[in-house]
Amino acid sequence: MPLILAGIAFLFVIGALAYLMAKDRGPGPEDAAMAYELAWDRLDFETLWTLSGIELQDNLERKEFLQAKREAYRGRQQLERLARGVTIVSTTDDKDVATVVTEIALNDGHAVRDELLLARRDGRWKVTRYTLAREGEPAPEA
């Protein structure tokens, strides 16, 4: 009898874990937007590819995209690591579509705001549009 009860308890725990995993929606749009901004700051084109929807992949396959971006930014290290920090200003999330406004505090003391449109595809948030929302203001003191 104790073995049967242990088996039932085990099945219950497995079922509860499966249920919780199915309900978990994973990282939110804010997480994807933050990762996208940081990837641009580091010129991390592999991460950019992964986080980009087809709208931002320039109609290229992964290998071609990486090659094109690396070539375009070769010798332009001055464009890398310009950010002192990235914060989320606002998020509008409508189930499978979200808009996230970020603020990037730059090392030169200024800040820029970007607006990212994201779509949930295959369970992951992808950036489908990236626009500069506001530029050139002094950054708030950290």
N, C-alpha and C. Protein backbone atom coordinates (compact mmCIF):
# COMPACT_ATOMS: atom_id res chain seq x y z
N MET A 1 0.81 -1.21 0.00
CA MET A 1 0.00 0.00 0.00
C MET A 1 0.86 1.27 0.00
N PRO A 2 1.93 1.38 0.82
CA PRO A 2 2.76 2.58 0.80
C PRO A 2 3.39 2.82 -0.58
N LEU A 3 3.72 1.74 -1.29
CA LEU A 3 4.30 1.87 -2.61
C LEU A 3 3.29 2.48 -3.59
N ILE A 4 2.04 2.10 -3.48
CA ILE A 4 0.99 2.64 -4.35
C ILE A 4 0.79 4.13 -4.05
N LEU A 5 0.76 4.50 -2.77
CA LEU A 5 0.62 5.91 -2.39
C LEU A 5 1.80 6.74 -2.89
N ALA A 6 3.00 6.19 -2.80
CA ALA A 6 4.19 6.89 -3.29
C ALA A 6 4.10 7.08 -4.80
N GLY A 7 3.60 6.07 -5.50
CA GLY A 7 3.43 6.17 -6.96
C GLY A 7 2.42 7.23 -7.34
N ILE A 8 1.32 7.29 -6.61
CA ILE A 8 0.28 8.30 -6.87
C ILE A 8 0.84 9.70 -6.59
N ALA A 9 1.57 9.84 -5.48
CA ALA A 9 2.16 11.13 -5.14
C ALA A 9 3.17 11.55 -6.21
N PHE A 10 3.96 10.61 -6.69
CA PHE A 10 4.93 10.89 -7.75
C PHE A 10 4.22 11.38 -9.01
N LEU A 11 3.17 10.70 -9.42
CA LEU A 11 2.41 11.09 -10.61
C LEU A 11 1.77 12.48 -10.43
N PHE A 12 1.29 12.75 -9.24
CA PHE A 12 0.71 14.06 -8.95
C PHE A 12 1.76 15.15 -9.10
N VAL A 13 2.95 14.93 -8.55
CA VAL A 13 4.03 15.92 -8.63
C VAL A 13 4.43 16.13 -10.09
N ILE A 14 4.57 15.07 -10.85
CA ILE A 14 4.92 15.18 -12.28
C ILE A 14 3.83 15.95 -13.03
N GLY A 15 2.58 15.66 -12.76
CA GLY A 15 1.48 16.38 -13.41
C GLY A 15 1.47 17.85 -13.05
N ALA A 16 1.71 18.17 -11.78
CA ALA A 16 1.74 19.56 -11.35
C ALA A 16 2.89 20.31 -12.01
N LEU A 17 4.06 19.69 -12.12
CA LEU A 17 5.19 20.33 -12.79
C LEU A 17 4.91 20.55 -14.27
N ALA A 18 4.30 19.58 -14.93
CA ALA A 18 3.95 19.73 -16.35
C ALA A 18 2.96 20.88 -16.53
N TYR A 19 1.99 20.98 -15.65
CA TYR A 19 1.01 22.06 -15.71
C TYR A 19 1.69 23.42 -15.54
N LEU A 20 2.56 23.54 -14.54
CA LEU A 20 3.24 24.81 -14.29
C LEU A 20 4.15 25.19 -15.45
N MET A 21 4.83 24.23 -16.03
CA MET A 21 5.69 24.51 -17.18
C MET A 21 4.87 24.97 -18.37
N ALA A 22 3.70 24.39 -18.58
CA ALA A 22 2.84 24.80 -19.69
C ALA A 22 2.30 26.21 -19.48
N LYS A 23 2.08 26.60 -18.24
CA LYS A 23 1.55 27.93 -17.94
C LYS A 23 2.62 29.02 -17.99
N ASP A 24 3.89 28.62 -17.83
CA ASP A 24 4.98 29.59 -17.83
C ASP A 24 5.16 30.15 -19.24
N ARG A 25 5.04 31.46 -19.36
CA ARG A 25 5.16 32.10 -20.67
C ARG A 25 6.59 32.54 -20.97
N GLY A 26 7.53 32.19 -20.09
CA GLY A 26 8.92 32.51 -20.35
C GLY A 26 9.23 33.99 -20.16
N PRO A 27 10.39 34.41 -20.64
CA PRO A 27 10.78 35.82 -20.51
C PRO A 27 9.77 36.73 -21.19
N GLY A 28 9.56 37.88 -20.62
CA GLY A 28 8.59 38.83 -21.16
C GLY A 28 9.19 39.73 -22.22
N PRO A 29 8.37 40.58 -22.80
CA PRO A 29 8.85 41.49 -23.85
C PRO A 29 9.92 42.46 -23.33
N GLU A 30 9.83 42.84 -22.06
CA GLU A 30 10.85 43.73 -21.48
C GLU A 30 12.22 43.07 -21.51
N ASP A 31 12.25 41.77 -21.20
CA ASP A 31 13.52 41.03 -21.20
C ASP A 31 14.11 41.00 -22.60
N ALA A 32 13.27 40.73 -23.60
CA ALA A 32 13.74 40.68 -24.98
C ALA A 32 14.22 42.05 -25.44
N ALA A 33 13.48 43.10 -25.09
CA ALA A 33 13.88 44.46 -25.49
C ALA A 33 15.21 44.85 -24.84
N MET A 34 15.36 44.54 -23.58
CA MET A 34 16.61 44.85 -22.88
C MET A 34 17.78 44.10 -23.52
N ALA A 35 17.59 42.83 -23.80
CA ALA A 35 18.64 42.02 -24.43
C ALA A 35 18.98 42.56 -25.81
N TYR A 36 17.98 43.01 -26.55
CA TYR A 36 18.19 43.56 -27.89
C TYR A 36 19.03 44.84 -27.82
N GLU A 37 18.68 45.73 -26.91
CA GLU A 37 19.44 46.97 -26.75
C GLU A 37 20.89 46.68 -26.36
N LEU A 38 21.08 45.78 -25.43
CA LEU A 38 22.44 45.44 -24.99
C LEU A 38 23.23 44.77 -26.11
N ALA A 39 22.57 43.95 -26.92
CA ALA A 39 23.24 43.31 -28.05
C ALA A 39 23.72 44.36 -29.05
N TRP A 40 22.88 45.37 -29.33
CA TRP A 40 23.32 46.44 -30.23
C TRP A 40 24.51 47.18 -29.64
N ASP A 41 24.46 47.45 -28.34
CA ASP A 41 25.56 48.17 -27.71
C ASP A 41 26.86 47.39 -27.79
N ARG A 42 26.79 46.09 -27.77
CA ARG A 42 27.99 45.24 -27.82
C ARG A 42 28.31 44.79 -29.24
N LEU A 43 27.49 45.22 -30.19
CA LEU A 43 27.61 44.76 -31.58
C LEU A 43 27.64 43.23 -31.62
N ASP A 44 26.75 42.64 -30.86
CA ASP A 44 26.59 41.18 -30.77
C ASP A 44 25.55 40.75 -31.80
N PHE A 45 25.99 40.53 -33.02
CA PHE A 45 25.07 40.29 -34.12
C PHE A 45 24.39 38.93 -34.05
N GLU A 46 25.00 37.97 -33.40
CA GLU A 46 24.35 36.66 -33.23
C GLU A 46 23.11 36.79 -32.36
N THR A 47 23.24 37.53 -31.27
CA THR A 47 22.08 37.75 -30.40
C THR A 47 21.03 38.59 -31.12
N LEU A 48 21.47 39.60 -31.87
CA LEU A 48 20.52 40.41 -32.64
C LEU A 48 19.71 39.53 -33.61
N TRP A 49 20.38 38.62 -34.29
CA TRP A 49 19.68 37.71 -35.21
C TRP A 49 18.63 36.91 -34.45
N THR A 50 19.02 36.36 -33.33
CA THR A 50 18.12 35.51 -32.55
C THR A 50 16.90 36.28 -32.06
N LEU A 51 17.10 37.53 -31.66
CA LEU A 51 16.01 38.33 -31.10
C LEU A 51 15.19 39.06 -32.16
N SER A 52 15.66 39.07 -33.40
CA SER A 52 14.97 39.80 -34.47
C SER A 52 13.94 38.94 -35.17
N GLY A 53 12.80 39.56 -35.46
CA GLY A 53 11.83 38.93 -36.33
C GLY A 53 12.33 39.03 -37.77
N ILE A 54 11.65 38.35 -38.66
CA ILE A 54 12.08 38.36 -40.06
C ILE A 54 12.09 39.78 -40.63
N GLU A 55 11.29 40.66 -40.05
CA GLU A 55 11.23 42.04 -40.52
C GLU A 55 12.57 42.76 -40.38
N LEU A 56 13.40 42.34 -39.43
CA LEU A 56 14.68 43.00 -39.18
C LEU A 56 15.89 42.17 -39.60
N GLN A 57 15.64 41.06 -40.28
CA GLN A 57 16.74 40.20 -40.69
C GLN A 57 17.21 40.46 -42.12
N ASP A 58 16.73 41.52 -42.72
CA ASP A 58 17.19 41.98 -44.04
C ASP A 58 17.04 40.92 -45.14
N ASN A 59 16.06 40.03 -45.00
CA ASN A 59 15.85 38.96 -45.98
C ASN A 59 17.09 38.10 -46.18
N LEU A 60 17.88 37.93 -45.13
CA LEU A 60 19.10 37.16 -45.20
C LEU A 60 19.02 35.94 -44.29
N GLU A 61 19.72 34.89 -44.66
CA GLU A 61 19.90 33.75 -43.77
C GLU A 61 20.86 34.16 -42.66
N ARG A 62 20.87 33.40 -41.58
CA ARG A 62 21.68 33.75 -40.41
C ARG A 62 23.13 34.03 -40.78
N LYS A 63 23.76 33.12 -41.50
CA LYS A 63 25.18 33.26 -41.85
C LYS A 63 25.41 34.53 -42.67
N GLU A 64 24.55 34.80 -43.63
CA GLU A 64 24.68 36.00 -44.46
C GLU A 64 24.47 37.27 -43.64
N PHE A 65 23.49 37.23 -42.74
CA PHE A 65 23.21 38.37 -41.87
C PHE A 65 24.43 38.70 -41.02
N LEU A 66 25.00 37.68 -40.38
CA LEU A 66 26.16 37.89 -39.52
C LEU A 66 27.34 38.44 -40.32
N GLN A 67 27.56 37.89 -41.49
CA GLN A 67 28.65 38.35 -42.34
C GLN A 67 28.45 39.81 -42.76
N ALA A 68 27.23 40.15 -43.16
CA ALA A 68 26.93 41.52 -43.59
C ALA A 68 27.10 42.51 -42.45
N LYS A 69 26.60 42.19 -41.27
CA LYS A 69 26.72 43.10 -40.12
C LYS A 69 28.18 43.25 -39.69
N ARG A 70 28.91 42.13 -39.65
CA ARG A 70 30.32 42.22 -39.25
C ARG A 70 31.11 43.07 -40.24
N GLU A 71 30.81 42.90 -41.51
CA GLU A 71 31.50 43.70 -42.53
C GLU A 71 31.13 45.18 -42.39
N ALA A 72 29.85 45.47 -42.18
CA ALA A 72 29.40 46.85 -42.07
C ALA A 72 30.01 47.56 -40.86
N TYR A 73 30.29 46.84 -39.78
CA TYR A 73 30.80 47.45 -38.56
C TYR A 73 32.29 47.20 -38.34
N ARG A 74 32.96 46.57 -39.32
CA ARG A 74 34.40 46.32 -39.19
C ARG A 74 35.13 47.66 -39.10
N GLY A 75 36.02 47.77 -38.12
CA GLY A 75 36.79 48.99 -37.95
C GLY A 75 36.02 50.14 -37.33
N ARG A 76 34.84 49.86 -36.80
CA ARG A 76 34.01 50.93 -36.21
C ARG A 76 33.79 50.68 -34.72
N GLN A 77 34.87 50.35 -34.04
CA GLN A 77 34.78 50.05 -32.61
C GLN A 77 34.26 51.22 -31.79
N GLN A 78 34.34 52.44 -32.32
CA GLN A 78 33.84 53.60 -31.60
C GLN A 78 32.32 53.55 -31.42
N LEU A 79 31.66 52.66 -32.16
CA LEU A 79 30.20 52.51 -32.03
C LEU A 79 29.82 51.43 -31.02
N GLU A 80 30.81 50.82 -30.42
CA GLU A 80 30.58 49.71 -29.49
C GLU A 80 30.69 50.20 -28.04
N ARG A 81 29.83 49.66 -27.19
CA ARG A 81 29.84 49.93 -25.75
C ARG A 81 29.69 51.42 -25.43
N LEU A 82 28.68 52.02 -26.02
CA LEU A 82 28.38 53.43 -25.78
C LEU A 82 27.47 53.63 -24.57
N ALA A 83 26.80 52.56 -24.15
CA ALA A 83 25.79 52.67 -23.10
C ALA A 83 26.38 52.48 -21.71
N ARG A 84 25.94 53.34 -20.82
CA ARG A 84 26.24 53.20 -19.39
C ARG A 84 25.20 52.30 -18.74
N GLY A 85 23.97 52.32 -19.31
CA GLY A 85 22.90 51.49 -18.78
C GLY A 85 21.65 51.60 -19.64
N VAL A 86 20.79 50.63 -19.49
CA VAL A 86 19.51 50.59 -20.23
C VAL A 86 18.40 50.36 -19.22
N THR A 87 17.33 51.16 -19.33
CA THR A 87 16.17 50.97 -18.48
C THR A 87 14.91 50.88 -19.33
N ILE A 88 13.92 50.22 -18.78
CA ILE A 88 12.62 50.14 -19.43
C ILE A 88 11.79 51.34 -18.95
N VAL A 89 11.29 52.12 -19.90
CA VAL A 89 10.48 53.29 -19.57
C VAL A 89 9.02 52.90 -19.48
N SER A 90 8.55 52.15 -20.48
CA SER A 90 7.14 51.73 -20.48
C SER A 90 6.97 50.49 -21.34
N THR A 91 5.89 49.77 -21.06
CA THR A 91 5.54 48.58 -21.82
C THR A 91 4.04 48.54 -22.03
N THR A 92 3.65 48.26 -23.24
CA THR A 92 2.26 47.98 -23.56
C THR A 92 2.23 46.58 -24.12
N ASP A 93 1.57 45.67 -23.42
CA ASP A 93 1.58 44.25 -23.78
C ASP A 93 0.15 43.80 -24.04
N ASP A 94 -0.10 43.32 -25.24
CA ASP A 94 -1.42 42.83 -25.61
C ASP A 94 -1.31 41.37 -26.05
N LYS A 95 -1.02 40.50 -25.11
CA LYS A 95 -0.89 39.06 -25.29
C LYS A 95 0.29 38.68 -26.17
N ASP A 96 0.19 38.83 -27.48
CA ASP A 96 1.25 38.39 -28.39
C ASP A 96 1.92 39.54 -29.14
N VAL A 97 1.60 40.77 -28.79
CA VAL A 97 2.22 41.96 -29.38
C VAL A 97 2.51 42.92 -28.24
N ALA A 98 3.69 43.52 -28.28
CA ALA A 98 4.06 44.46 -27.21
C ALA A 98 4.87 45.61 -27.78
N THR A 99 4.77 46.74 -27.12
CA THR A 99 5.62 47.88 -27.42
C THR A 99 6.38 48.21 -26.15
N VAL A 100 7.68 48.31 -26.28
CA VAL A 100 8.53 48.62 -25.13
C VAL A 100 9.35 49.86 -25.48
N VAL A 101 9.32 50.85 -24.59
CA VAL A 101 10.16 52.03 -24.74
C VAL A 101 11.32 51.87 -23.77
N THR A 102 12.53 51.99 -24.31
CA THR A 102 13.74 51.88 -23.49
C THR A 102 14.45 53.22 -23.46
N GLU A 103 15.23 53.41 -22.43
CA GLU A 103 16.11 54.58 -22.36
C GLU A 103 17.52 54.09 -22.15
N ILE A 104 18.40 54.54 -23.03
CA ILE A 104 19.81 54.16 -22.94
C ILE A 104 20.57 55.37 -22.43
N ALA A 105 21.15 55.22 -21.25
CA ALA A 105 22.02 56.27 -20.69
C ALA A 105 23.39 56.05 -21.32
N LEU A 106 23.87 57.06 -22.04
CA LEU A 106 25.13 56.95 -22.75
C LEU A 106 26.31 57.39 -21.88
N ASN A 107 27.47 56.88 -22.21
CA ASN A 107 28.68 57.22 -21.46
C ASN A 107 29.00 58.71 -21.53
N ASP A 108 28.53 59.39 -22.57
CA ASP A 108 28.82 60.82 -22.72
C ASP A 108 27.87 61.71 -21.91
N GLY A 109 26.98 61.09 -21.14
CA GLY A 109 26.07 61.86 -20.29
C GLY A 109 24.71 62.11 -20.89
N HIS A 110 24.51 61.78 -22.15
CA HIS A 110 23.21 61.95 -22.79
C HIS A 110 22.43 60.64 -22.72
N ALA A 111 21.19 60.70 -23.19
CA ALA A 111 20.35 59.52 -23.20
C ALA A 111 19.53 59.50 -24.49
N VAL A 112 19.22 58.32 -24.94
CA VAL A 112 18.33 58.16 -26.08
C VAL A 112 17.21 57.20 -25.67
N ARG A 113 16.07 57.42 -26.26
CA ARG A 113 14.94 56.52 -26.04
C ARG A 113 14.60 55.85 -27.35
N ASP A 114 14.34 54.57 -27.26
CA ASP A 114 13.97 53.77 -28.42
C ASP A 114 12.62 53.12 -28.17
N GLU A 115 11.89 52.92 -29.24
CA GLU A 115 10.62 52.21 -29.17
C GLU A 115 10.77 50.91 -29.95
N LEU A 116 10.51 49.80 -29.29
CA LEU A 116 10.63 48.49 -29.91
C LEU A 116 9.25 47.85 -29.98
N LEU A 117 8.89 47.39 -31.14
CA LEU A 117 7.66 46.62 -31.31
C LEU A 117 8.08 45.16 -31.33
N LEU A 118 7.41 44.35 -30.52
CA LEU A 118 7.74 42.93 -30.42
C LEU A 118 6.51 42.08 -30.68
N ALA A 119 6.75 40.90 -31.20
CA ALA A 119 5.68 39.93 -31.43
C ALA A 119 6.12 38.59 -30.86
N ARG A 120 5.17 37.90 -30.22
CA ARG A 120 5.48 36.56 -29.71
C ARG A 120 5.29 35.57 -30.85
N ARG A 121 6.39 34.89 -31.18
CA ARG A 121 6.37 33.90 -32.25
C ARG A 121 7.01 32.62 -31.74
N ASP A 122 6.28 31.54 -31.89
CA ASP A 122 6.77 30.24 -31.42
C ASP A 122 7.21 30.30 -29.96
N GLY A 123 6.45 31.04 -29.16
CA GLY A 123 6.72 31.11 -27.73
C GLY A 123 7.83 32.06 -27.32
N ARG A 124 8.41 32.79 -28.29
CA ARG A 124 9.50 33.70 -27.97
C ARG A 124 9.16 35.10 -28.49
N TRP A 125 9.62 36.11 -27.76
CA TRP A 125 9.43 37.48 -28.19
C TRP A 125 10.49 37.84 -29.20
N LYS A 126 10.06 38.41 -30.33
CA LYS A 126 10.96 38.83 -31.40
C LYS A 126 10.74 40.32 -31.66
N VAL A 127 11.82 41.06 -31.86
CA VAL A 127 11.72 42.48 -32.18
C VAL A 127 11.38 42.58 -33.67
N THR A 128 10.29 43.28 -33.97
CA THR A 128 9.85 43.39 -35.36
C THR A 128 10.00 44.81 -35.91
N ARG A 129 10.16 45.79 -35.00
CA ARG A 129 10.41 47.17 -35.41
C ARG A 129 11.19 47.86 -34.31
N TYR A 130 12.12 48.70 -34.73
CA TYR A 130 13.01 49.38 -33.79
C TYR A 130 13.16 50.81 -34.26
N THR A 131 12.66 51.76 -33.48
CA THR A 131 12.74 53.16 -33.88
C THR A 131 13.26 54.02 -32.74
N LEU A 132 14.00 55.05 -33.12
CA LEU A 132 14.49 56.02 -32.16
C LEU A 132 13.31 56.88 -31.73
N ALA A 133 13.03 56.89 -30.45
CA ALA A 133 11.89 57.66 -29.96
C ALA A 133 12.29 59.09 -29.60
N ARG A 134 13.45 59.27 -28.97
CA ARG A 134 13.91 60.62 -28.59
C ARG A 134 15.41 60.56 -28.39
N GLU A 135 16.09 61.62 -28.80
CA GLU A 135 17.54 61.61 -28.79
C GLU A 135 18.11 62.84 -28.12
N GLY A 136 19.30 62.65 -27.51
CA GLY A 136 20.15 63.76 -27.15
C GLY A 136 19.88 64.48 -25.86
N GLU A 137 19.02 63.99 -25.00
CA GLU A 137 18.78 64.69 -23.73
C GLU A 137 19.80 64.26 -22.69
N PRO A 138 20.10 65.14 -21.74
CA PRO A 138 20.98 64.71 -20.66
C PRO A 138 20.35 63.53 -19.92
N ALA A 139 21.18 62.54 -19.61
CA ALA A 139 20.70 61.36 -18.89
C ALA A 139 20.47 61.70 -17.43
N PRO A 140 19.48 61.05 -16.80
CA PRO A 140 19.28 61.27 -15.36
C PRO A 140 20.49 60.74 -14.59
N GLU A 141 20.78 61.36 -13.47
CA GLU A 141 21.89 60.90 -12.65
C GLU A 141 21.61 59.51 -12.11
N ALA A 142 22.61 58.65 -12.17
CA ALA A 142 22.45 57.27 -11.70
C ALA A 142 22.64 57.17 -10.21
